[in-house]
Amino acid sequence: MALRKRRFCDAKEPLLPCKTYAFGMQNNRFCKVLMVRFLDNRCCCEKYLQYCCVFLLIE
């Protein structure tokens, strides 16, 4: 009886469409790591470009 009821239960929807309900926290951590890496790389590039612009203006 319990198995029959479970089969017809509605599954809960995930908060975001790209995440599955069971692995939401793991995917969330993975996404945060990717965002931090991307932002860190972007920040390094911006600092490098600012340094190059200052160097070119001095010459």
Protein backbone atom coordinates (compact mmCIF):
# COMPACT_ATOMS: atom_id res chain seq x y z
CA MET A 1 0.00 0.00 0.00
CA ALA A 2 2.77 2.45 0.91
CA LEU A 3 4.61 1.69 -2.32
CA ARG A 4 1.53 2.41 -4.40
CA LYS A 5 1.04 5.76 -2.69
CA ARG A 6 4.66 6.75 -3.26
CA ARG A 7 4.48 5.97 -6.94
CA PHE A 8 1.78 8.58 -7.51
CA CYS A 9 3.15 11.33 -5.28
CA ASP A 10 4.07 14.58 -6.97
CA ALA A 11 7.77 15.30 -6.89
CA LYS A 12 8.82 18.63 -5.44
CA GLU A 13 10.07 21.14 -7.96
CA PRO A 14 13.67 22.35 -7.65
CA LEU A 15 14.22 26.03 -6.91
CA LEU A 16 16.09 26.59 -10.16
CA PRO A 17 15.42 24.67 -13.38
CA CYS A 18 19.08 23.71 -13.89
CA LYS A 19 19.37 22.02 -10.49
CA THR A 20 18.00 18.67 -9.42
CA TYR A 21 16.28 18.45 -6.07
CA ALA A 22 18.58 15.81 -4.56
CA PHE A 23 21.84 17.42 -5.61
CA GLY A 24 20.91 21.08 -5.20
CA MET A 25 23.47 21.83 -2.52
CA GLN A 26 26.31 20.08 -4.34
CA ASN A 27 25.52 21.89 -7.59
CA ASN A 28 25.21 25.15 -5.70
CA ARG A 29 28.72 24.75 -4.25
CA PHE A 30 30.09 23.86 -7.68
CA CYS A 31 28.46 26.93 -9.26
CA LYS A 32 29.87 29.17 -6.54
CA VAL A 33 33.38 27.83 -7.15
CA LEU A 34 33.03 28.46 -10.88
CA MET A 35 31.77 32.01 -10.29
CA VAL A 36 34.60 32.80 -7.88
CA ARG A 37 37.16 31.47 -10.36
CA PHE A 38 35.64 33.49 -13.19
CA LEU A 39 35.50 36.69 -11.13
CA ASP A 40 39.04 36.19 -9.87
CA ASN A 41 40.36 35.71 -13.41
CA ARG A 42 38.44 38.76 -14.56
CA CYS A 43 39.81 40.86 -11.71
CA CYS A 44 43.37 39.78 -12.55
CA CYS A 45 42.85 40.69 -16.20
CA GLU A 46 41.44 44.11 -15.30
CA LYS A 47 44.39 44.82 -13.01
CA TYR A 48 46.80 43.78 -15.77
CA LEU A 49 45.04 45.96 -18.34
CA GLN A 50 45.03 48.96 -16.00
CA TYR A 51 48.76 48.47 -15.41
CA CYS A 52 49.41 48.28 -19.16
CA CYS A 53 47.37 51.42 -19.84
CA VAL A 54 49.27 53.37 -17.21
CA PHE A 55 52.56 52.09 -18.60
CA LEU A 56 51.61 53.08 -22.16
CA LEU A 57 50.49 56.55 -21.07
CA ILE A 58 53.81 57.18 -19.33
CA GLU A 59 55.79 56.42 -22.50
